[in-house]
Amino acid sequence: MANPDGVAADQLRAFVERIERLEEEKKVISDDIKDVYAEAKGTGFDIKVLRKVISLRKKKPHEREEEEAVLDLYMHALGMAGAAGEG
């Protein structure tokens, strides 16, 4: 029900509480992800490269190809020819 100021306090409270719960869940998940990265690092994997692999897997093949083409163009413009595909 709306209070005299025109704010539906119960509805607002429900939204705030839902957001707070989701923020807490997000924190727990974020902590879990950090633990997995730490475990991978402890096993000898390069975390920086692992993060890049995760990022690339989120993209569609044509998006990755376009990004690589632009990166190659920029690298050539900076005199770093051939560096984009090497690694």
PDB file of N, CA and C in Angstrom:
ATOM      1  N   MET A   1       0.837  -1.174   0.000  1.00  0.00           N
ATOM      2  CA  MET A   1       0.000   0.000   0.000  1.00  0.00           C
ATOM      3  C   MET A   1       0.887   1.245   0.000  1.00  0.00           C
ATOM      4  N   ALA A   2       0.502   2.264  -0.729  1.00  0.00           N
ATOM      5  CA  ALA A   2       1.280   3.491  -0.838  1.00  0.00           C
ATOM      6  C   ALA A   2       1.109   4.336   0.417  1.00  0.00           C
ATOM      7  N   ASN A   3       2.221   4.933   0.846  1.00  0.00           N
ATOM      8  CA  ASN A   3       2.147   5.844   1.984  1.00  0.00           C
ATOM      9  C   ASN A   3       1.774   7.230   1.461  1.00  0.00           C
ATOM     10  N   PRO A   4       1.608   8.217   2.329  1.00  0.00           N
ATOM     11  CA  PRO A   4       1.183   9.560   1.880  1.00  0.00           C
ATOM     12  C   PRO A   4       2.113  10.185   0.837  1.00  0.00           C
ATOM     13  N   ASP A   5       3.364   9.750   0.773  1.00  0.00           N
ATOM     14  CA  ASP A   5       4.310  10.301  -0.202  1.00  0.00           C
ATOM     15  C   ASP A   5       4.170   9.633  -1.564  1.00  0.00           C
ATOM     16  N   GLY A   6       3.270   8.674  -1.703  1.00  0.00           N
ATOM     17  CA  GLY A   6       3.065   8.004  -2.976  1.00  0.00           C
ATOM     18  C   GLY A   6       4.021   6.854  -3.227  1.00  0.00           C
ATOM     19  N   VAL A   7       4.727   6.405  -2.199  1.00  0.00           N
ATOM     20  CA  VAL A   7       5.681   5.307  -2.349  1.00  0.00           C
ATOM     21  C   VAL A   7       5.052   4.027  -1.809  1.00  0.00           C
ATOM     22  N   ALA A   8       5.075   2.997  -2.603  1.00  0.00           N
ATOM     23  CA  ALA A   8       4.561   1.709  -2.167  1.00  0.00           C
ATOM     24  C   ALA A   8       5.651   1.048  -1.323  1.00  0.00           C
ATOM     25  N   ALA A   9       5.621   1.309  -0.021  1.00  0.00           N
ATOM     26  CA  ALA A   9       6.686   0.890   0.889  1.00  0.00           C
ATOM     27  C   ALA A   9       6.886  -0.620   0.894  1.00  0.00           C
ATOM     28  N   ASP A  10       5.814  -1.397   0.917  1.00  0.00           N
ATOM     29  CA  ASP A  10       5.949  -2.858   0.950  1.00  0.00           C
ATOM     30  C   ASP A  10       6.612  -3.366  -0.325  1.00  0.00           C
ATOM     31  N   GLN A  11       6.202  -2.813  -1.458  1.00  0.00           N
ATOM     32  CA  GLN A  11       6.774  -3.240  -2.731  1.00  0.00           C
ATOM     33  C   GLN A  11       8.245  -2.825  -2.810  1.00  0.00           C
ATOM     34  N   LEU A  12       8.545  -1.616  -2.371  1.00  0.00           N
ATOM     35  CA  LEU A  12       9.922  -1.132  -2.361  1.00  0.00           C
ATOM     36  C   LEU A  12      10.795  -2.004  -1.468  1.00  0.00           C
ATOM     37  N   ARG A  13      10.292  -2.317  -0.280  1.00  0.00           N
ATOM     38  CA  ARG A  13      11.030  -3.162   0.653  1.00  0.00           C
ATOM     39  C   ARG A  13      11.301  -4.529   0.038  1.00  0.00           C
ATOM     40  N   ALA A  14      10.305  -5.087  -0.663  1.00  0.00           N
ATOM     41  CA  ALA A  14      10.469  -6.392  -1.303  1.00  0.00           C
ATOM     42  C   ALA A  14      11.565  -6.346  -2.366  1.00  0.00           C
ATOM     43  N   PHE A  15      11.578  -5.282  -3.169  1.00  0.00           N
ATOM     44  CA  PHE A  15      12.630  -5.149  -4.176  1.00  0.00           C
ATOM     45  C   PHE A  15      13.998  -5.041  -3.531  1.00  0.00           C
ATOM     46  N   VAL A  16      14.105  -4.211  -2.504  1.00  0.00           N
ATOM     47  CA  VAL A  16      15.382  -4.032  -1.818  1.00  0.00           C
ATOM     48  C   VAL A  16      15.868  -5.354  -1.227  1.00  0.00           C
ATOM     49  N   GLU A  17      14.987  -6.090  -0.587  1.00  0.00           N
ATOM     50  CA  GLU A  17      15.371  -7.368   0.026  1.00  0.00           C
ATOM     51  C   GLU A  17      15.782  -8.388  -1.023  1.00  0.00           C
ATOM     52  N   ARG A  18      15.075  -8.419  -2.148  1.00  0.00           N
ATOM     53  CA  ARG A  18      15.459  -9.337  -3.229  1.00  0.00           C
ATOM     54  C   ARG A  18      16.842  -8.997  -3.760  1.00  0.00           C
ATOM     55  N   ILE A  19      17.092  -7.697  -3.973  1.00  0.00           N
ATOM     56  CA  ILE A  19      18.399  -7.271  -4.473  1.00  0.00           C
ATOM     57  C   ILE A  19      19.492  -7.627  -3.477  1.00  0.00           C
ATOM     58  N   GLU A  20      19.223  -7.412  -2.189  1.00  0.00           N
ATOM     59  CA  GLU A  20      20.220  -7.756  -1.160  1.00  0.00           C
ATOM     60  C   GLU A  20      20.534  -9.243  -1.164  1.00  0.00           C
ATOM     61  N   ARG A  21      19.513 -10.075  -1.299  1.00  0.00           N
ATOM     62  CA  ARG A  21      19.734 -11.526  -1.352  1.00  0.00           C
ATOM     63  C   ARG A  21      20.563 -11.906  -2.574  1.00  0.00           C
ATOM     64  N   LEU A  22      20.229 -11.321  -3.711  1.00  0.00           N
ATOM     65  CA  LEU A  22      20.966 -11.619  -4.935  1.00  0.00           C
ATOM     66  C   LEU A  22      22.408 -11.135  -4.854  1.00  0.00           C
ATOM     67  N   GLU A  23      22.630  -9.982  -4.246  1.00  0.00           N
ATOM     68  CA  GLU A  23      23.995  -9.474  -4.058  1.00  0.00           C
ATOM     69  C   GLU A  23      24.809 -10.438  -3.197  1.00  0.00           C
ATOM     70  N   GLU A  24      24.191 -10.985  -2.163  1.00  0.00           N
ATOM     71  CA  GLU A  24      24.886 -11.954  -1.309  1.00  0.00           C
ATOM     72  C   GLU A  24      25.207 -13.226  -2.089  1.00  0.00           C
ATOM     73  N   GLU A  25      24.253 -13.700  -2.888  1.00  0.00           N
ATOM     74  CA  GLU A  25      24.495 -14.879  -3.718  1.00  0.00           C
ATOM     75  C   GLU A  25      25.625 -14.618  -4.707  1.00  0.00           C
ATOM     76  N   LYS A  26      25.634 -13.406  -5.272  1.00  0.00           N
ATOM     77  CA  LYS A  26      26.684 -13.034  -6.222  1.00  0.00           C
ATOM     78  C   LYS A  26      28.049 -13.061  -5.541  1.00  0.00           C
ATOM     79  N   LYS A  27      28.115 -12.586  -4.300  1.00  0.00           N
ATOM     80  CA  LYS A  27      29.375 -12.590  -3.560  1.00  0.00           C
ATOM     81  C   LYS A  27      29.859 -14.018  -3.319  1.00  0.00           C
ATOM     82  N   VAL A  28      28.937 -14.895  -2.952  1.00  0.00           N
ATOM     83  CA  VAL A  28      29.300 -16.304  -2.716  1.00  0.00           C
ATOM     84  C   VAL A  28      29.832 -16.930  -4.000  1.00  0.00           C
ATOM     85  N   ILE A  29      29.159 -16.681  -5.111  1.00  0.00           N
ATOM     86  CA  ILE A  29      29.597 -17.230  -6.390  1.00  0.00           C
ATOM     87  C   ILE A  29      30.952 -16.650  -6.780  1.00  0.00           C
ATOM     88  N   SER A  30      31.133 -15.356  -6.582  1.00  0.00           N
ATOM     89  CA  SER A  30      32.406 -14.715  -6.891  1.00  0.00           C
ATOM     90  C   SER A  30      33.541 -15.336  -6.076  1.00  0.00           C
ATOM     91  N   ASP A  31      33.275 -15.592  -4.805  1.00  0.00           N
ATOM     92  CA  ASP A  31      34.279 -16.240  -3.955  1.00  0.00           C
ATOM     93  C   ASP A  31      34.588 -17.652  -4.462  1.00  0.00           C
ATOM     94  N   ASP A  32      33.567 -18.371  -4.918  1.00  0.00           N
ATOM     95  CA  ASP A  32      33.772 -19.714  -5.466  1.00  0.00           C
ATOM     96  C   ASP A  32      34.640 -19.668  -6.721  1.00  0.00           C
ATOM     97  N   ILE A  33      34.395 -18.682  -7.575  1.00  0.00           N
ATOM     98  CA  ILE A  33      35.186 -18.535  -8.799  1.00  0.00           C
ATOM     99  C   ILE A  33      36.638 -18.237  -8.452  1.00  0.00           C
ATOM    100  N   LYS A  34      36.857 -17.365  -7.476  1.00  0.00           N
ATOM    101  CA  LYS A  34      38.226 -17.065  -7.037  1.00  0.00           C
ATOM    102  C   LYS A  34      38.924 -18.330  -6.540  1.00  0.00           C
ATOM    103  N   ASP A  35      38.188 -19.158  -5.818  1.00  0.00           N
ATOM    104  CA  ASP A  35      38.755 -20.417  -5.318  1.00  0.00           C
ATOM    105  C   ASP A  35      39.172 -21.329  -6.465  1.00  0.00           C
ATOM    106  N   VAL A  36      38.353 -21.390  -7.514  1.00  0.00           N
ATOM    107  CA  VAL A  36      38.676 -22.248  -8.665  1.00  0.00           C
ATOM    108  C   VAL A  36      39.923 -21.717  -9.374  1.00  0.00           C
ATOM    109  N   TYR A  37      40.004 -20.396  -9.549  1.00  0.00           N
ATOM    110  CA  TYR A  37      41.210 -19.823 -10.155  1.00  0.00           C
ATOM    111  C   TYR A  37      42.442 -20.121  -9.300  1.00  0.00           C
ATOM    112  N   ALA A  38      42.317 -20.009  -7.990  1.00  0.00           N
ATOM    113  CA  ALA A  38      43.443 -20.301  -7.099  1.00  0.00           C
ATOM    114  C   ALA A  38      43.852 -21.765  -7.219  1.00  0.00           C
ATOM    115  N   GLU A  39      42.877 -22.644  -7.321  1.00  0.00           N
ATOM    116  CA  GLU A  39      43.165 -24.071  -7.486  1.00  0.00           C
ATOM    117  C   GLU A  39      43.889 -24.317  -8.808  1.00  0.00           C
ATOM    118  N   ALA A  40      43.422 -23.670  -9.874  1.00  0.00           N
ATOM    119  CA  ALA A  40      44.070 -23.820 -11.178  1.00  0.00           C
ATOM    120  C   ALA A  40      45.506 -23.299 -11.126  1.00  0.00           C
ATOM    121  N   LYS A  41      45.696 -22.164 -10.449  1.00  0.00           N
ATOM    122  CA  LYS A  41      47.042 -21.598 -10.311  1.00  0.00           C
ATOM    123  C   LYS A  41      47.945 -22.556  -9.539  1.00  0.00           C
ATOM    124  N   GLY A  42      47.411 -23.150  -8.486  1.00  0.00           N
ATOM    125  CA  GLY A  42      48.170 -24.103  -7.693  1.00  0.00           C
ATOM    126  C   GLY A  42      48.570 -25.345  -8.477  1.00  0.00           C
ATOM    127  N   THR A  43      47.813 -25.623  -9.516  1.00  0.00           N
ATOM    128  CA  THR A  43      48.107 -26.770 -10.374  1.00  0.00           C
ATOM    129  C   THR A  43      49.108 -26.402 -11.459  1.00  0.00           C
ATOM    130  N   GLY A  44      49.387 -25.094 -11.599  1.00  0.00           N
ATOM    131  CA  GLY A  44      50.395 -24.649 -12.548  1.00  0.00           C
ATOM    132  C   GLY A  44      49.851 -23.927 -13.775  1.00  0.00           C
ATOM    133  N   PHE A  45      48.562 -23.695 -13.824  1.00  0.00           N
ATOM    134  CA  PHE A  45      47.999 -22.986 -14.967  1.00  0.00           C
ATOM    135  C   PHE A  45      48.215 -21.486 -14.832  1.00  0.00           C
ATOM    136  N   ASP A  46      48.393 -20.815 -15.980  1.00  0.00           N
ATOM    137  CA  ASP A  46      48.561 -19.371 -16.032  1.00  0.00           C
ATOM    138  C   ASP A  46      47.174 -18.738 -15.947  1.00  0.00           C
ATOM    139  N   ILE A  47      46.905 -18.052 -14.857  1.00  0.00           N
ATOM    140  CA  ILE A  47      45.572 -17.506 -14.587  1.00  0.00           C
ATOM    141  C   ILE A  47      45.201 -16.406 -15.582  1.00  0.00           C
ATOM    142  N   LYS A  48      46.152 -15.578 -15.961  1.00  0.00           N
ATOM    143  CA  LYS A  48      45.878 -14.524 -16.926  1.00  0.00           C
ATOM    144  C   LYS A  48      45.398 -15.125 -18.251  1.00  0.00           C
ATOM    145  N   VAL A  49      46.062 -16.161 -18.688  1.00  0.00           N
ATOM    146  CA  VAL A  49      45.675 -16.823 -19.935  1.00  0.00           C
ATOM    147  C   VAL A  49      44.345 -17.553 -19.754  1.00  0.00           C
ATOM    148  N   LEU A  50      44.152 -18.169 -18.615  1.00  0.00           N
ATOM    149  CA  LEU A  50      42.887 -18.861 -18.342  1.00  0.00           C
ATOM    150  C   LEU A  50      41.716 -17.882 -18.386  1.00  0.00           C
ATOM    151  N   ARG A  51      41.885 -16.699 -17.825  1.00  0.00           N
ATOM    152  CA  ARG A  51      40.828 -15.678 -17.885  1.00  0.00           C
ATOM    153  C   ARG A  51      40.541 -15.276 -19.336  1.00  0.00           C
ATOM    154  N   LYS A  52      41.597 -15.175 -20.148  1.00  0.00           N
ATOM    155  CA  LYS A  52      41.427 -14.829 -21.563  1.00  0.00           C
ATOM    156  C   LYS A  52      40.656 -15.939 -22.282  1.00  0.00           C
ATOM    157  N   VAL A  53      40.969 -17.193 -21.991  1.00  0.00           N
ATOM    158  CA  VAL A  53      40.253 -18.320 -22.597  1.00  0.00           C
ATOM    159  C   VAL A  53      38.775 -18.269 -22.229  1.00  0.00           C
ATOM    160  N   ILE A  54      38.477 -17.998 -20.972  1.00  0.00           N
ATOM    161  CA  ILE A  54      37.081 -17.889 -20.520  1.00  0.00           C
ATOM    162  C   ILE A  54      36.385 -16.771 -21.287  1.00  0.00           C
ATOM    163  N   SER A  55      37.070 -15.637 -21.434  1.00  0.00           N
ATOM    164  CA  SER A  55      36.502 -14.505 -22.159  1.00  0.00           C
ATOM    165  C   SER A  55      36.232 -14.850 -23.619  1.00  0.00           C
ATOM    166  N   LEU A  56      37.174 -15.529 -24.251  1.00  0.00           N
ATOM    167  CA  LEU A  56      37.018 -15.900 -25.659  1.00  0.00           C
ATOM    168  C   LEU A  56      35.885 -16.900 -25.865  1.00  0.00           C
ATOM    169  N   ARG A  57      35.723 -17.815 -24.935  1.00  0.00           N
ATOM    170  CA  ARG A  57      34.665 -18.824 -25.073  1.00  0.00           C
ATOM    171  C   ARG A  57      33.265 -18.224 -24.983  1.00  0.00           C
ATOM    172  N   LYS A  58      33.149 -17.049 -24.396  1.00  0.00           N
ATOM    173  CA  LYS A  58      31.859 -16.374 -24.297  1.00  0.00           C
ATOM    174  C   LYS A  58      31.440 -15.757 -25.627  1.00  0.00           C
ATOM    175  N   LYS A  59      32.404 -15.568 -26.522  1.00  0.00           N
ATOM    176  CA  LYS A  59      32.140 -14.896 -27.792  1.00  0.00           C
ATOM    177  C   LYS A  59      31.833 -15.904 -28.893  1.00  0.00           C
ATOM    178  N   LYS A  60      31.076 -15.461 -29.865  1.00  0.00           N
ATOM    179  CA  LYS A  60      30.793 -16.277 -31.040  1.00  0.00           C
ATOM    180  C   LYS A  60      32.022 -16.262 -31.942  1.00  0.00           C
ATOM    181  N   PRO A  61      32.197 -17.322 -32.750  1.00  0.00           N
ATOM    182  CA  PRO A  61      33.391 -17.383 -33.610  1.00  0.00           C
ATOM    183  C   PRO A  61      33.597 -16.136 -34.476  1.00  0.00           C
ATOM    184  N   HIS A  62      32.530 -15.604 -35.064  1.00  0.00           N
ATOM    185  CA  HIS A  62      32.705 -14.424 -35.921  1.00  0.00           C
ATOM    186  C   HIS A  62      33.117 -13.198 -35.104  1.00  0.00           C
ATOM    187  N   GLU A  63      32.685 -13.125 -33.842  1.00  0.00           N
ATOM    188  CA  GLU A  63      33.096 -12.011 -32.986  1.00  0.00           C
ATOM    189  C   GLU A  63      34.578 -12.113 -32.661  1.00  0.00           C
ATOM    190  N   ARG A  64      35.042 -13.346 -32.388  1.00  0.00           N
ATOM    191  CA  ARG A  64      36.467 -13.548 -32.100  1.00  0.00           C
ATOM    192  C   ARG A  64      37.317 -13.202 -33.318  1.00  0.00           C
ATOM    193  N   GLU A  65      36.866 -13.644 -34.510  1.00  0.00           N
ATOM    194  CA  GLU A  65      37.616 -13.368 -35.728  1.00  0.00           C
ATOM    195  C   GLU A  65      37.703 -11.873 -35.998  1.00  0.00           C
ATOM    196  N   GLU A  66      36.586 -11.176 -35.800  1.00  0.00           N
ATOM    197  CA  GLU A  66      36.578  -9.731 -36.017  1.00  0.00           C
ATOM    198  C   GLU A  66      37.522  -9.040 -35.040  1.00  0.00           C
ATOM    199  N   GLU A  67      37.484  -9.450 -33.781  1.00  0.00           N
ATOM    200  CA  GLU A  67      38.360  -8.858 -32.771  1.00  0.00           C
ATOM    201  C   GLU A  67      39.823  -9.111 -33.118  1.00  0.00           C
ATOM    202  N   GLU A  68      40.137 -10.326 -33.553  1.00  0.00           N
ATOM    203  CA  GLU A  68      41.517 -10.660 -33.913  1.00  0.00           C
ATOM    204  C   GLU A  68      41.979  -9.844 -35.114  1.00  0.00           C
ATOM    205  N   ALA A  69      41.073  -9.626 -36.092  1.00  0.00           N
ATOM    206  CA  ALA A  69      41.430  -8.842 -37.273  1.00  0.00           C
ATOM    207  C   ALA A  69      41.726  -7.396 -36.893  1.00  0.00           C
ATOM    208  N   VAL A  70      40.915  -6.822 -36.017  1.00  0.00           N
ATOM    209  CA  VAL A  70      41.142  -5.442 -35.586  1.00  0.00           C
ATOM    210  C   VAL A  70      42.434  -5.358 -34.764  1.00  0.00           C
ATOM    211  N   LEU A  71      42.655  -6.332 -33.901  1.00  0.00           N
ATOM    212  CA  LEU A  71      43.883  -6.357 -33.110  1.00  0.00           C
ATOM    213  C   LEU A  71      45.103  -6.424 -34.030  1.00  0.00           C
ATOM    214  N   ASP A  72      45.031  -7.285 -35.057  1.00  0.00           N
ATOM    215  CA  ASP A  72      46.129  -7.415 -36.007  1.00  0.00           C
ATOM    216  C   ASP A  72      46.370  -6.093 -36.732  1.00  0.00           C
ATOM    217  N   LEU A  73      45.295  -5.423 -37.138  1.00  0.00           N
ATOM    218  CA  LEU A  73      45.402  -4.128 -37.799  1.00  0.00           C
ATOM    219  C   LEU A  73      46.104  -3.117 -36.892  1.00  0.00           C
ATOM    220  N   TYR A  74      45.691  -3.058 -35.636  1.00  0.00           N
ATOM    221  CA  TYR A  74      46.296  -2.121 -34.684  1.00  0.00           C
ATOM    222  C   TYR A  74      47.772  -2.452 -34.444  1.00  0.00           C
ATOM    223  N   MET A  75      48.061  -3.729 -34.312  1.00  0.00           N
ATOM    224  CA  MET A  75      49.450  -4.142 -34.061  1.00  0.00           C
ATOM    225  C   MET A  75      50.344  -3.745 -35.239  1.00  0.00           C
ATOM    226  N   HIS A  76      49.847  -3.949 -36.465  1.00  0.00           N
ATOM    227  CA  HIS A  76      50.608  -3.534 -37.644  1.00  0.00           C
ATOM    228  C   HIS A  76      50.812  -2.022 -37.648  1.00  0.00           C
ATOM    229  N   ALA A  77      49.772  -1.271 -37.314  1.00  0.00           N
ATOM    230  CA  ALA A  77      49.876   0.188 -37.294  1.00  0.00           C
ATOM    231  C   ALA A  77      50.919   0.660 -36.288  1.00  0.00           C
ATOM    232  N   LEU A  78      51.117  -0.104 -35.236  1.00  0.00           N
ATOM    233  CA  LEU A  78      52.089   0.254 -34.195  1.00  0.00           C
ATOM    234  C   LEU A  78      53.462  -0.357 -34.427  1.00  0.00           C
ATOM    235  N   GLY A  79      53.635  -1.012 -35.591  1.00  0.00           N
ATOM    236  CA  GLY A  79      54.928  -1.628 -35.900  1.00  0.00           C
ATOM    237  C   GLY A  79      55.181  -2.908 -35.139  1.00  0.00           C
ATOM    238  N   MET A  80      54.132  -3.552 -34.710  1.00  0.00           N
ATOM    239  CA  MET A  80      54.249  -4.795 -33.957  1.00  0.00           C
ATOM    240  C   MET A  80      53.709  -5.952 -34.790  1.00  0.00           C
ATOM    241  N   ALA A  81      53.960  -5.929 -36.105  1.00  0.00           N
ATOM    242  CA  ALA A  81      53.409  -6.885 -37.056  1.00  0.00           C
ATOM    243  C   ALA A  81      53.677  -8.321 -36.633  1.00  0.00           C
ATOM    244  N   GLY A  82      52.640  -9.123 -36.737  1.00  0.00           N
ATOM    245  CA  GLY A  82      52.752 -10.552 -36.428  1.00  0.00           C
ATOM    246  C   GLY A  82      52.617 -10.883 -34.961  1.00  0.00           C
ATOM    247  N   ALA A  83      52.616  -9.897 -34.089  1.00  0.00           N
ATOM    248  CA  ALA A  83      52.592 -10.150 -32.654  1.00  0.00           C
ATOM    249  C   ALA A  83      51.224 -10.600 -32.155  1.00  0.00           C
ATOM    250  N   ALA A  84      50.144 -10.224 -32.847  1.00  0.00           N
ATOM    251  CA  ALA A  84      48.795 -10.521 -32.365  1.00  0.00           C
ATOM    252  C   ALA A  84      48.510 -11.999 -32.300  1.00  0.00           C
ATOM    253  N   GLY A  85      48.944 -12.761 -33.287  1.00  0.00           N
ATOM    254  CA  GLY A  85      48.649 -14.188 -33.309  1.00  0.00           C
ATOM    255  C   GLY A  85      49.672 -15.034 -32.605  1.00  0.00           C
ATOM    256  N   GLU A  86      50.750 -14.431 -32.149  1.00  0.00           N
ATOM    257  CA  GLU A  86      51.793 -15.187 -31.479  1.00  0.00           C
ATOM    258  C   GLU A  86      51.511 -15.262 -30.004  1.00  0.00           C
ATOM    259  N   GLY A  87      51.978 -16.276 -29.372  1.00  0.00           N
ATOM    260  CA  GLY A  87      51.736 -16.295 -27.956  1.00  0.00           C
ATOM    261  C   GLY A  87      52.316 -17.463 -27.315  1.00  0.00           C
TER     262      GLY A  87
END
